[in-house]
Structures are given as structure tokens and as C-alpha cells.
Amino acid sequence: MSSANKNTSQISKISFKELQIQIEEFRQKRDDLN
């Protein structure tokens, strides 16, 4: 369980960074449409 928790924490950090990037790209696309 401890190893799984460590893996999930690492994935959550990476996914959080990727999520921010996706949000920025989504905002830019939305601005282009408007």
C-alpha cells in the first residue's frame, strides 16, 4: 500500500502540471474561437 501511495502521489504531481498546461491551451483555444 505504501508503494502504491507513493506512485499515486508522483502521478498526481505530474498530472497536475499537465492539467495546468491543458487548461492554458484550452483558454487560448477558447479565446481564439471568441
N, C-alpha and C. Protein backbone atom coordinates (compact mmCIF):
# COMPACT_ATOMS: atom_id res chain seq x y z
N MET A 1 0.84 -1.21 0.00
CA MET A 1 0.00 0.00 0.00
C MET A 1 0.87 1.25 0.00
N SER A 2 1.96 1.23 0.76
CA SER A 2 2.82 2.42 0.84
C SER A 2 3.39 2.74 -0.53
N SER A 3 3.86 1.70 -1.24
CA SER A 3 4.43 1.93 -2.57
C SER A 3 3.36 2.48 -3.51
N ALA A 4 2.14 1.98 -3.40
CA ALA A 4 1.05 2.47 -4.26
C ALA A 4 0.78 3.94 -3.96
N ASN A 5 0.80 4.29 -2.66
CA ASN A 5 0.56 5.69 -2.30
C ASN A 5 1.65 6.57 -2.89
N LYS A 6 2.90 6.12 -2.85
CA LYS A 6 3.99 6.91 -3.42
C LYS A 6 3.78 7.09 -4.92
N ASN A 7 3.39 6.01 -5.59
CA ASN A 7 3.17 6.09 -7.03
C ASN A 7 2.04 7.06 -7.34
N THR A 8 0.96 6.98 -6.60
CA THR A 8 -0.18 7.87 -6.86
C THR A 8 0.22 9.32 -6.61
N SER A 9 1.03 9.57 -5.60
CA SER A 9 1.45 10.94 -5.31
C SER A 9 2.29 11.48 -6.46
N GLN A 10 3.19 10.66 -6.99
CA GLN A 10 4.02 11.10 -8.12
C GLN A 10 3.14 11.37 -9.34
N ILE A 11 2.21 10.48 -9.60
CA ILE A 11 1.32 10.64 -10.76
C ILE A 11 0.47 11.90 -10.58
N SER A 12 -0.02 12.13 -9.38
CA SER A 12 -0.86 13.31 -9.15
C SER A 12 -0.07 14.58 -9.41
N LYS A 13 1.21 14.62 -9.02
CA LYS A 13 2.02 15.80 -9.27
C LYS A 13 2.19 16.02 -10.77
N ILE A 14 2.50 14.96 -11.51
CA ILE A 14 2.70 15.08 -12.95
C ILE A 14 1.39 15.47 -13.62
N SER A 15 0.31 14.80 -13.26
CA SER A 15 -0.99 15.09 -13.87
C SER A 15 -1.41 16.52 -13.56
N PHE A 16 -1.08 17.01 -12.36
CA PHE A 16 -1.45 18.38 -12.00
C PHE A 16 -0.75 19.37 -12.92
N LYS A 17 0.55 19.16 -13.18
CA LYS A 17 1.29 20.04 -14.09
C LYS A 17 0.69 19.96 -15.49
N GLU A 18 0.44 18.74 -15.96
CA GLU A 18 -0.14 18.56 -17.30
C GLU A 18 -1.53 19.19 -17.35
N LEU A 19 -2.28 19.08 -16.26
CA LEU A 19 -3.62 19.67 -16.22
C LEU A 19 -3.53 21.19 -16.38
N GLN A 20 -2.59 21.83 -15.69
CA GLN A 20 -2.42 23.27 -15.83
C GLN A 20 -2.11 23.64 -17.27
N ILE A 21 -1.23 22.86 -17.91
CA ILE A 21 -0.87 23.14 -19.31
C ILE A 21 -2.10 22.99 -20.20
N GLN A 22 -2.88 21.94 -19.98
CA GLN A 22 -4.08 21.73 -20.79
C GLN A 22 -5.07 22.87 -20.59
N ILE A 23 -5.19 23.36 -19.35
CA ILE A 23 -6.10 24.47 -19.08
C ILE A 23 -5.65 25.71 -19.84
N GLU A 24 -4.35 25.99 -19.83
CA GLU A 24 -3.83 27.15 -20.56
C GLU A 24 -4.14 27.02 -22.04
N GLU A 25 -3.89 25.83 -22.61
CA GLU A 25 -4.17 25.62 -24.04
C GLU A 25 -5.66 25.76 -24.31
N PHE A 26 -6.50 25.24 -23.42
CA PHE A 26 -7.95 25.34 -23.61
C PHE A 26 -8.38 26.80 -23.59
N ARG A 27 -7.82 27.60 -22.67
CA ARG A 27 -8.17 29.02 -22.61
C ARG A 27 -7.77 29.72 -23.90
N GLN A 28 -6.59 29.41 -24.42
CA GLN A 28 -6.13 30.04 -25.67
C GLN A 28 -7.07 29.66 -26.81
N LYS A 29 -7.45 28.39 -26.90
CA LYS A 29 -8.35 27.95 -27.97
C LYS A 29 -9.70 28.65 -27.83
N ARG A 30 -10.20 28.73 -26.61
CA ARG A 30 -11.49 29.39 -26.38
C ARG A 30 -11.41 30.86 -26.78
N ASP A 31 -10.31 31.52 -26.45
CA ASP A 31 -10.14 32.92 -26.83
C ASP A 31 -10.12 33.06 -28.34
N ASP A 32 -9.48 32.12 -29.02
CA ASP A 32 -9.42 32.18 -30.49
C ASP A 32 -10.82 32.02 -31.07
N LEU A 33 -11.63 31.14 -30.50
CA LEU A 33 -12.99 30.94 -31.01
C LEU A 33 -13.81 32.20 -30.79
N ASN A 34 -13.67 32.82 -29.64
CA ASN A 34 -14.42 34.04 -29.36
C ASN A 34 -13.79 35.21 -30.09
